[in-house]
Amino acid sequence: MRGKKMSQAMVFIVLFGIVSLFSDMTHEGASSIRGAYLALLGASAGTIGFISGLGELVGCSMRYVFGKLTDKGKHYWPMTIAGYVLDVLAVPALALVGDHGWIWACALLVIQRMGKAIKKPAKDTIMSFAASQEGVGKSFGIQEVLDQIGAFLGPVLLYVVMLLKTDGTTFQVYATCFAVLAIPGAITLILLLVTRRKFPNPEHFEPEPKEYVPFHMKKEFILYIAGISLFAFGFIDYSIIIMHVSRTFTGVAAGLQETGSLISSGTLPLLYAGAMLVDAVAALFFGLLYDKKGVRALVWSTVLSAPFAIFVFAGHSVASLLVGIALWGVGMGAQESILKAAVSSMVPKASRATGYGVFECAFGVFWFLGSWLLGVLYDVSIPAMIAVSVAAQLAAIPLYIASSRRQLTANP
């Protein structure tokens, strides 16, 4: 009987991962050209950093509220479905803004983040129920691998679209790309409804606790939140990276006609696709490592990925850029697998959506502050931006270590 339940749990993890695959094709495909698109529409580096961070702030700060609502009503599926609808429909709507409509584009990006805010606490919580049967690091790592297959295919799809659409301005090519992303968006919603029909009560995967344990901020959780907040503050949003690439290696940001030669606008999505492949491998590796080493796995992933800004922004060669983007992918992979898995092990089942809400809220607030500051620093002093980015990420390491030691002491 137990073997059957574990098997069903893995079926759920994989099926839900396929939903995430098509969802990531949609919004990560958009992310691969989002920064260049906003710059093309007339947004400055500071504005792009502000909007990227604001989207995370609005989305993640609301995740605490939606996490509380999810825990209170146990409405796991309704919240997940509603969030996915907003998330995947806002992306193709970017095709409808005019060639100077950066304000409308920014509004749609904030709406898309709101969709993620609604779905994330519920989605991560029901994933954690199934993960309790298979190992949280392994389970979130598997889901992230499937996520990143979609995150790889999305930019590749846009690359193909750019190859095929040879007429029109750069703006028209980008608008076509966003319109095409409606296809994986629709598939996402169909598969989500299929998954919900097959598994209407995923909370049954994890046994109910013998007694109710209310949510409270344990010291190891507080230290962990402080650590991931510093990490979020220093981790540069990809919108700023791709804007830098478009300015440095192409002439996309200068107007509607491209003038660069080293890296063309058509190959910009492939850079993101490459980062997502690294992300997928890193997510599974560090997810499995988390099941063995706990939060200490974050120390190693942070040491490895923290210098990415040096290679991306201080290097002046394609080789340096590729190394930097690969290291950025390592950081993203660890972020998507270990960070979620750690919350599952620190917060009891009855209040886990609230725990995820607190985690996402703190992460979003500091991602916003960091993105805004780093975007402004990009226009003022790139060396200062690099220094702040690397220092903030490395400053998280002592907090990870302290959280790990506290957790081992509390649960010897």
Protein backbone atom coordinates (compact mmCIF):
# COMPACT_ATOMS: atom_id res chain seq x y z
CA MET A 1 0.00 0.00 0.00
CA ARG A 2 2.80 2.35 0.89
CA GLY A 3 4.61 1.51 -2.34
CA LYS A 4 1.48 2.42 -4.29
CA LYS A 5 1.17 5.75 -2.48
CA MET A 6 4.83 6.61 -3.17
CA SER A 7 4.31 5.71 -6.83
CA GLN A 8 1.25 7.96 -7.03
CA ALA A 9 3.21 10.73 -5.33
CA MET A 10 5.90 10.51 -8.01
CA VAL A 11 3.25 10.48 -10.75
CA PHE A 12 1.87 13.70 -9.26
CA ILE A 13 5.33 15.28 -9.03
CA VAL A 14 6.10 14.48 -12.67
CA LEU A 15 2.66 15.49 -13.96
CA PHE A 16 2.76 18.76 -12.05
CA GLY A 17 6.29 19.24 -13.33
CA ILE A 18 5.02 18.94 -16.92
CA VAL A 19 2.47 21.65 -16.14
CA SER A 20 5.38 23.79 -14.96
CA LEU A 21 7.28 22.89 -18.13
CA PHE A 22 4.70 24.53 -20.39
CA SER A 23 4.19 27.39 -17.94
CA ASP A 24 7.92 28.06 -17.99
CA MET A 25 7.94 27.90 -21.79
CA THR A 26 5.52 30.81 -21.62
CA HIS A 27 6.95 33.17 -19.04
CA GLU A 28 10.63 32.21 -19.27
CA GLY A 29 10.44 32.52 -23.05
CA ALA A 30 9.21 36.04 -22.41
CA SER A 31 11.98 36.62 -19.84
CA SER A 32 14.63 35.86 -22.46
CA ILE A 33 13.73 39.03 -24.40
CA ARG A 34 11.88 41.06 -21.75
CA GLY A 35 14.74 43.39 -20.83
CA ALA A 36 15.66 44.07 -24.46
CA TYR A 37 11.96 44.57 -25.29
CA LEU A 38 11.46 47.13 -22.52
CA ALA A 39 14.62 48.96 -23.59
CA LEU A 40 13.35 48.92 -27.17
CA LEU A 41 10.08 50.48 -26.01
CA GLY A 42 11.98 53.31 -24.32
CA ALA A 43 12.56 52.19 -20.71
CA SER A 44 15.86 53.10 -18.99
CA ALA A 45 18.08 50.69 -17.03
CA GLY A 46 16.80 52.16 -13.76
CA THR A 47 13.20 51.73 -14.91
CA ILE A 48 13.81 48.13 -15.99
CA GLY A 49 15.43 47.33 -12.65
CA PHE A 50 12.61 49.10 -10.79
CA ILE A 51 9.84 47.28 -12.68
CA SER A 52 11.59 43.91 -12.43
CA GLY A 53 11.92 44.41 -8.70
CA LEU A 54 8.44 45.92 -8.32
CA GLY A 55 6.92 42.89 -10.00
CA GLU A 56 8.69 40.68 -7.49
CA LEU A 57 7.72 42.99 -4.61
CA VAL A 58 4.02 43.08 -5.50
CA GLY A 59 3.96 39.39 -6.28
CA CYS A 60 5.98 38.16 -3.34
CA SER A 61 4.58 40.51 -0.70
CA MET A 62 1.10 39.31 -1.62
CA ARG A 63 2.22 35.69 -1.34
CA TYR A 64 2.12 35.97 2.44
CA VAL A 65 -1.53 37.05 2.24
CA PHE A 66 -2.43 34.31 -0.22
CA GLY A 67 -0.45 31.80 1.83
CA LYS A 68 -2.52 32.66 4.92
CA LEU A 69 -5.73 32.41 2.90
CA THR A 70 -4.67 29.04 1.51
CA ASP A 71 -3.87 27.64 4.96
CA LYS A 72 -7.12 28.97 6.38
CA GLY A 73 -9.46 27.62 3.69
CA LYS A 74 -7.30 24.77 2.33
CA HIS A 75 -8.22 26.00 -1.17
CA TYR A 76 -5.09 24.60 -2.76
CA TRP A 77 -6.40 23.97 -6.26
CA PRO A 78 -8.60 27.09 -6.73
CA MET A 79 -5.69 29.34 -5.75
CA THR A 80 -3.27 27.46 -7.99
CA ILE A 81 -5.57 27.55 -11.02
CA ALA A 82 -6.49 31.24 -10.61
CA GLY A 83 -2.83 32.18 -10.36
CA TYR A 84 -1.86 30.19 -13.43
CA VAL A 85 -4.60 31.87 -15.49
CA LEU A 86 -3.24 35.36 -14.75
CA ASP A 87 0.37 34.22 -15.09
CA VAL A 88 0.16 32.68 -18.57
CA LEU A 89 -2.37 35.10 -20.10
CA ALA A 90 -0.46 38.29 -19.23
CA VAL A 91 2.55 37.19 -21.31
CA PRO A 92 0.98 36.99 -24.81
CA ALA A 93 -0.84 40.24 -24.04
CA LEU A 94 2.57 41.95 -24.29
CA ALA A 95 2.18 41.60 -28.06
CA LEU A 96 -0.66 44.14 -27.92
CA VAL A 97 1.31 47.14 -26.57
CA GLY A 98 2.43 49.78 -29.07
CA ASP A 99 6.02 50.41 -30.10
CA HIS A 100 6.32 53.04 -27.35
CA GLY A 101 4.05 51.29 -24.86
CA TRP A 102 6.58 50.45 -22.18
CA ILE A 103 4.20 51.62 -19.44
CA TRP A 104 1.54 49.13 -20.58
CA ALA A 105 4.18 46.43 -20.88
CA CYS A 106 5.34 47.13 -17.32
CA ALA A 107 1.74 46.92 -16.07
CA LEU A 108 1.31 43.52 -17.71
CA LEU A 109 4.53 42.28 -16.13
CA VAL A 110 3.23 43.31 -12.70
CA ILE A 111 -0.08 41.49 -13.42
CA GLN A 112 1.87 38.40 -14.41
CA ARG A 113 3.74 38.55 -11.10
CA MET A 114 0.44 38.91 -9.27
CA GLY A 115 -0.65 35.65 -10.87
CA LYS A 116 2.48 34.00 -9.52
CA ALA A 117 1.70 35.47 -6.09
CA ILE A 118 -1.71 33.82 -6.05
CA LYS A 119 -0.49 30.40 -7.17
CA LYS A 120 2.94 30.00 -5.57
CA PRO A 121 2.14 29.30 -1.89
CA ALA A 122 -0.61 26.83 -2.84
CA LYS A 123 1.47 25.22 -5.61
CA ASP A 124 4.58 24.79 -3.47
CA THR A 125 2.51 23.47 -0.58
CA ILE A 126 0.76 20.75 -2.57
CA MET A 127 4.12 19.85 -4.10
CA SER A 128 5.56 19.51 -0.60
CA PHE A 129 2.80 17.04 0.30
CA ALA A 130 3.88 14.69 -2.48
CA ALA A 131 7.55 15.47 -1.82
CA SER A 132 7.18 14.17 1.74
CA GLN A 133 6.89 10.69 0.20
CA GLU A 134 9.94 10.94 -2.06
CA GLY A 135 12.43 13.33 -0.39
CA VAL A 136 11.94 17.08 -0.57
CA GLY A 137 15.26 17.93 -2.21
CA LYS A 138 14.89 15.20 -4.81
CA SER A 139 11.24 16.07 -5.52
CA PHE A 140 11.74 19.82 -5.92
CA GLY A 141 14.86 19.06 -7.94
CA ILE A 142 12.88 16.85 -10.35
CA GLN A 143 10.21 19.52 -10.71
CA GLU A 144 12.87 22.14 -11.38
CA VAL A 145 14.46 19.97 -14.08
CA LEU A 146 11.08 19.80 -15.84
CA ASP A 147 10.63 23.54 -15.23
CA GLN A 148 13.92 24.25 -16.88
CA ILE A 149 13.27 22.03 -19.87
CA GLY A 150 10.37 24.40 -20.50
CA ALA A 151 12.55 27.39 -19.68
CA PHE A 152 15.00 26.11 -22.31
CA LEU A 153 12.36 25.35 -24.95
CA GLY A 154 10.64 28.74 -24.56
CA PRO A 155 13.64 30.82 -25.64
CA VAL A 156 14.48 28.28 -28.37
CA LEU A 157 10.92 28.63 -29.68
CA LEU A 158 11.39 32.40 -29.84
CA TYR A 159 14.73 31.94 -31.60
CA VAL A 160 12.94 29.89 -34.29
CA VAL A 161 10.23 32.55 -34.58
CA MET A 162 12.90 35.23 -35.05
CA LEU A 163 14.59 33.14 -37.73
CA LEU A 164 11.34 32.65 -39.63
CA LYS A 165 10.04 36.22 -39.32
CA THR A 166 12.47 38.09 -41.55
CA ASP A 167 10.24 41.06 -42.40
CA GLY A 168 9.15 43.97 -40.23
CA THR A 169 10.87 46.02 -37.54
CA THR A 170 12.54 44.59 -34.45
CA PHE A 171 9.46 45.62 -32.47
CA GLN A 172 7.17 43.65 -34.77
CA VAL A 173 9.39 40.58 -34.48
CA TYR A 174 9.29 40.79 -30.67
CA ALA A 175 5.50 41.29 -30.67
CA THR A 176 5.12 38.14 -32.78
CA CYS A 177 7.24 36.23 -30.27
CA PHE A 178 4.96 37.19 -27.39
CA ALA A 179 1.87 36.24 -29.41
CA VAL A 180 3.27 32.76 -30.15
CA LEU A 181 3.72 32.18 -26.41
CA ALA A 182 -0.09 31.95 -26.13
CA ILE A 183 0.25 28.34 -27.40
CA PRO A 184 2.23 26.88 -24.46
CA GLY A 185 0.13 29.09 -22.17
CA ALA A 186 -3.07 27.37 -23.32
CA ILE A 187 -1.47 23.91 -22.97
CA THR A 188 -0.48 24.83 -19.40
CA LEU A 189 -4.08 25.48 -18.39
CA ILE A 190 -5.38 22.30 -20.05
CA LEU A 191 -2.79 20.09 -18.33
CA LEU A 192 -3.40 21.83 -15.00
CA LEU A 193 -7.09 20.93 -15.15
CA VAL A 194 -6.19 17.33 -16.05
CA THR A 195 -3.85 17.13 -13.04
CA ARG A 196 -6.49 18.55 -10.73
CA ARG A 197 -9.03 16.00 -11.95
CA LYS A 198 -6.63 13.09 -11.36
CA PHE A 199 -5.42 14.35 -7.96
CA PRO A 200 -8.24 16.39 -6.37
CA ASN A 201 -6.80 16.02 -2.83
CA PRO A 202 -2.98 16.09 -2.95
CA GLU A 203 -2.85 16.90 0.78
CA HIS A 204 -3.59 13.20 1.40
CA PHE A 205 -0.04 12.33 0.32
CA GLU A 206 1.31 13.57 3.65
CA PRO A 207 -0.09 12.12 6.90
CA GLU A 208 -1.81 14.56 9.22
CA PRO A 209 0.22 15.49 12.32
CA LYS A 210 -0.91 13.97 15.60
CA GLU A 211 -1.45 17.43 17.02
CA TYR A 212 -1.90 20.89 15.52
CA VAL A 213 1.33 22.89 15.46
CA PRO A 214 0.71 26.62 14.85
CA PHE A 215 3.11 28.60 12.69
CA HIS A 216 5.78 30.55 14.50
CA MET A 217 9.15 31.91 13.44
CA LYS A 218 11.75 29.52 14.80
CA LYS A 219 15.26 30.91 15.11
CA GLU A 220 16.62 28.66 12.34
CA PHE A 221 13.83 29.88 10.05
CA ILE A 222 14.57 33.53 10.89
CA LEU A 223 18.28 33.03 10.13
CA TYR A 224 17.37 31.26 6.91
CA ILE A 225 15.02 34.07 5.83
CA ALA A 226 17.74 36.63 6.57
CA GLY A 227 20.18 34.66 4.44
CA ILE A 228 17.92 34.25 1.43
CA SER A 229 16.99 37.94 1.68
CA LEU A 230 20.64 38.94 1.23
CA PHE A 231 20.94 36.46 -1.63
CA ALA A 232 17.85 37.96 -3.31
CA PHE A 233 19.18 41.49 -2.81
CA GLY A 234 22.43 40.71 -4.59
CA PHE A 235 21.15 38.40 -7.33
CA ILE A 236 20.83 40.56 -10.46
CA ASP A 237 17.60 40.13 -12.41
CA TYR A 238 18.05 38.69 -15.89
CA SER A 239 16.25 41.71 -17.39
CA ILE A 240 19.27 43.84 -16.47
CA ILE A 241 21.68 41.22 -17.81
CA ILE A 242 19.95 40.93 -21.17
CA MET A 243 19.60 44.72 -21.41
CA HIS A 244 23.37 44.97 -20.85
CA VAL A 245 23.99 42.35 -23.54
CA SER A 246 21.71 44.14 -26.00
CA ARG A 247 23.54 47.42 -25.37
CA THR A 248 27.04 45.99 -25.38
CA PHE A 249 26.91 43.33 -28.07
CA THR A 250 24.05 44.55 -30.28
CA GLY A 251 22.39 47.81 -31.22
CA VAL A 252 18.87 46.69 -30.36
CA ALA A 253 18.37 49.17 -27.56
CA ALA A 254 19.37 52.11 -29.71
CA GLY A 255 16.34 51.92 -31.99
CA LEU A 256 14.19 49.68 -34.12
CA GLN A 257 16.99 48.68 -36.48
CA GLU A 258 19.76 46.40 -35.24
CA THR A 259 23.40 47.40 -35.72
CA GLY A 260 25.41 44.89 -33.65
CA SER A 261 27.32 41.91 -34.99
CA LEU A 262 28.86 39.86 -32.14
CA ILE A 263 25.52 38.74 -30.70
CA SER A 264 22.35 39.50 -32.64
CA SER A 265 18.85 40.04 -31.26
CA GLY A 266 17.94 36.66 -32.73
CA THR A 267 20.46 34.87 -30.51
CA LEU A 268 19.47 36.65 -27.28
CA PRO A 269 16.88 33.96 -26.39
CA LEU A 270 19.55 31.26 -26.80
CA LEU A 271 21.64 32.84 -24.04
CA TYR A 272 18.71 32.46 -21.66
CA ALA A 273 18.06 28.93 -22.92
CA GLY A 274 21.65 28.02 -22.07
CA ALA A 275 21.27 29.46 -18.59
CA MET A 276 18.13 27.38 -18.10
CA LEU A 277 19.97 24.18 -19.05
CA VAL A 278 22.59 24.93 -16.40
CA ASP A 279 19.74 25.78 -14.01
CA ALA A 280 18.14 22.35 -14.58
CA VAL A 281 21.33 20.40 -13.88
CA ALA A 282 22.17 22.55 -10.84
CA ALA A 283 18.65 22.19 -9.44
CA LEU A 284 18.74 18.40 -9.48
CA PHE A 285 22.34 18.21 -8.22
CA PHE A 286 21.84 20.63 -5.33
CA GLY A 287 18.37 19.21 -4.58
CA LEU A 288 19.88 15.76 -4.05
CA LEU A 289 22.73 17.33 -2.11
CA TYR A 290 20.20 19.08 0.14
CA ASP A 291 18.66 15.72 1.12
CA LYS A 292 22.12 14.70 2.38
CA LYS A 293 23.61 17.95 3.69
CA GLY A 294 20.62 20.20 4.41
CA VAL A 295 20.94 23.99 4.23
CA ARG A 296 24.73 23.66 3.98
CA ALA A 297 24.22 22.79 0.30
CA LEU A 298 23.29 26.45 -0.19
CA VAL A 299 26.75 27.50 0.96
CA TRP A 300 28.42 25.65 -1.89
CA SER A 301 25.96 26.82 -4.53
CA THR A 302 26.33 30.44 -3.39
CA VAL A 303 30.14 30.34 -3.44
CA LEU A 304 29.99 28.95 -6.97
CA SER A 305 27.43 31.37 -8.41
CA ALA A 306 28.14 34.65 -6.58
CA PRO A 307 30.88 35.91 -8.99
CA PHE A 308 28.60 35.76 -12.06
CA ALA A 309 28.29 39.58 -12.20
CA ILE A 310 32.06 39.93 -12.61
CA PHE A 311 32.05 37.78 -15.73
CA VAL A 312 28.89 39.30 -17.23
CA PHE A 313 29.50 43.00 -16.60
CA ALA A 314 33.30 43.34 -16.20
CA GLY A 315 34.34 40.94 -18.93
CA HIS A 316 34.40 42.24 -22.48
CA SER A 317 34.32 39.00 -24.42
CA VAL A 318 31.67 36.53 -25.46
CA ALA A 319 33.51 33.78 -23.53
CA SER A 320 33.36 35.80 -20.29
CA LEU A 321 29.68 36.53 -20.89
CA LEU A 322 28.87 32.84 -21.38
CA VAL A 323 30.70 31.86 -18.18
CA GLY A 324 28.83 34.54 -16.24
CA ILE A 325 25.44 33.48 -17.56
CA ALA A 326 26.24 29.84 -16.74
CA LEU A 327 27.11 30.80 -13.14
CA TRP A 328 23.88 32.82 -12.98
CA GLY A 329 22.07 29.63 -14.02
CA VAL A 330 23.71 27.73 -11.14
CA GLY A 331 22.38 30.32 -8.70
CA MET A 332 18.90 30.11 -10.18
CA GLY A 333 18.90 26.32 -10.01
CA ALA A 334 19.83 26.27 -6.35
CA GLN A 335 17.29 29.01 -5.68
CA GLU A 336 14.44 27.02 -7.21
CA SER A 337 15.20 23.66 -5.58
CA ILE A 338 16.99 24.12 -2.24
CA LEU A 339 15.21 27.29 -1.13
CA LYS A 340 11.77 25.66 -1.45
CA ALA A 341 12.89 22.33 0.00
CA ALA A 342 14.30 24.04 3.10
CA VAL A 343 10.97 25.70 3.91
CA SER A 344 9.25 22.31 3.75
CA SER A 345 11.60 20.91 6.39
CA MET A 346 11.29 23.91 8.73
CA VAL A 347 7.52 24.53 8.71
CA PRO A 348 4.78 22.07 9.83
CA LYS A 349 2.17 20.85 7.34
CA ALA A 350 -0.80 22.74 8.81
CA SER A 351 0.83 26.14 8.28
CA ARG A 352 3.19 25.43 5.39
CA ALA A 353 1.47 27.73 2.90
CA THR A 354 1.98 30.55 5.42
CA GLY A 355 5.64 29.57 5.73
CA TYR A 356 6.03 29.68 1.97
CA GLY A 357 4.24 33.02 1.98
CA VAL A 358 6.70 34.46 4.51
CA PHE A 359 9.62 33.08 2.51
CA GLU A 360 8.32 34.45 -0.80
CA CYS A 361 7.43 37.81 0.73
CA ALA A 362 10.91 38.35 2.21
CA PHE A 363 12.55 37.14 -0.98
CA GLY A 364 10.41 39.46 -3.10
CA VAL A 365 10.93 42.56 -0.98
CA PHE A 366 14.70 42.20 -1.08
CA TRP A 367 14.69 41.21 -4.76
CA PHE A 368 12.81 44.47 -5.42
CA LEU A 369 15.20 46.59 -3.36
CA GLY A 370 18.23 44.91 -4.91
CA SER A 371 16.92 45.11 -8.49
CA TRP A 372 16.09 48.78 -8.09
CA LEU A 373 19.45 49.69 -6.53
CA LEU A 374 21.47 47.55 -8.94
CA GLY A 375 19.56 48.96 -11.91
CA VAL A 376 20.34 52.51 -10.76
CA LEU A 377 23.98 51.61 -10.10
CA TYR A 378 24.26 50.20 -13.62
CA ASP A 379 23.66 53.72 -15.00
CA VAL A 380 26.01 55.28 -12.42
CA SER A 381 28.86 52.83 -11.81
CA ILE A 382 29.01 49.26 -13.10
CA PRO A 383 31.95 48.36 -10.79
CA ALA A 384 29.88 49.49 -7.78
CA MET A 385 26.95 47.39 -8.99
CA ILE A 386 29.19 44.32 -9.30
CA ALA A 387 30.66 44.86 -5.82
CA VAL A 388 27.23 45.18 -4.18
CA SER A 389 25.93 42.10 -5.99
CA VAL A 390 28.82 39.81 -5.03
CA ALA A 391 29.11 41.12 -1.46
CA ALA A 392 25.41 40.69 -0.68
CA GLN A 393 25.35 37.09 -1.91
CA LEU A 394 28.49 36.13 0.01
CA ALA A 395 27.13 37.82 3.15
CA ALA A 396 24.29 35.27 3.13
CA ILE A 397 26.68 32.36 3.74
CA PRO A 398 27.25 32.88 7.51
CA LEU A 399 23.48 33.02 7.99
CA TYR A 400 23.00 29.74 6.08
CA ILE A 401 25.62 28.11 8.30
CA ALA A 402 24.03 29.47 11.48
CA SER A 403 20.58 28.27 10.36
CA SER A 404 21.95 24.80 9.59
CA ARG A 405 23.65 24.53 12.98
CA ARG A 406 20.54 25.72 14.78
CA GLN A 407 18.40 23.17 12.93
CA LEU A 408 20.82 20.35 13.78
CA THR A 409 20.75 21.40 17.44
CA ALA A 410 16.95 21.49 17.51
CA ASN A 411 16.65 18.16 15.66
CA PRO A 412 19.74 16.11 16.57
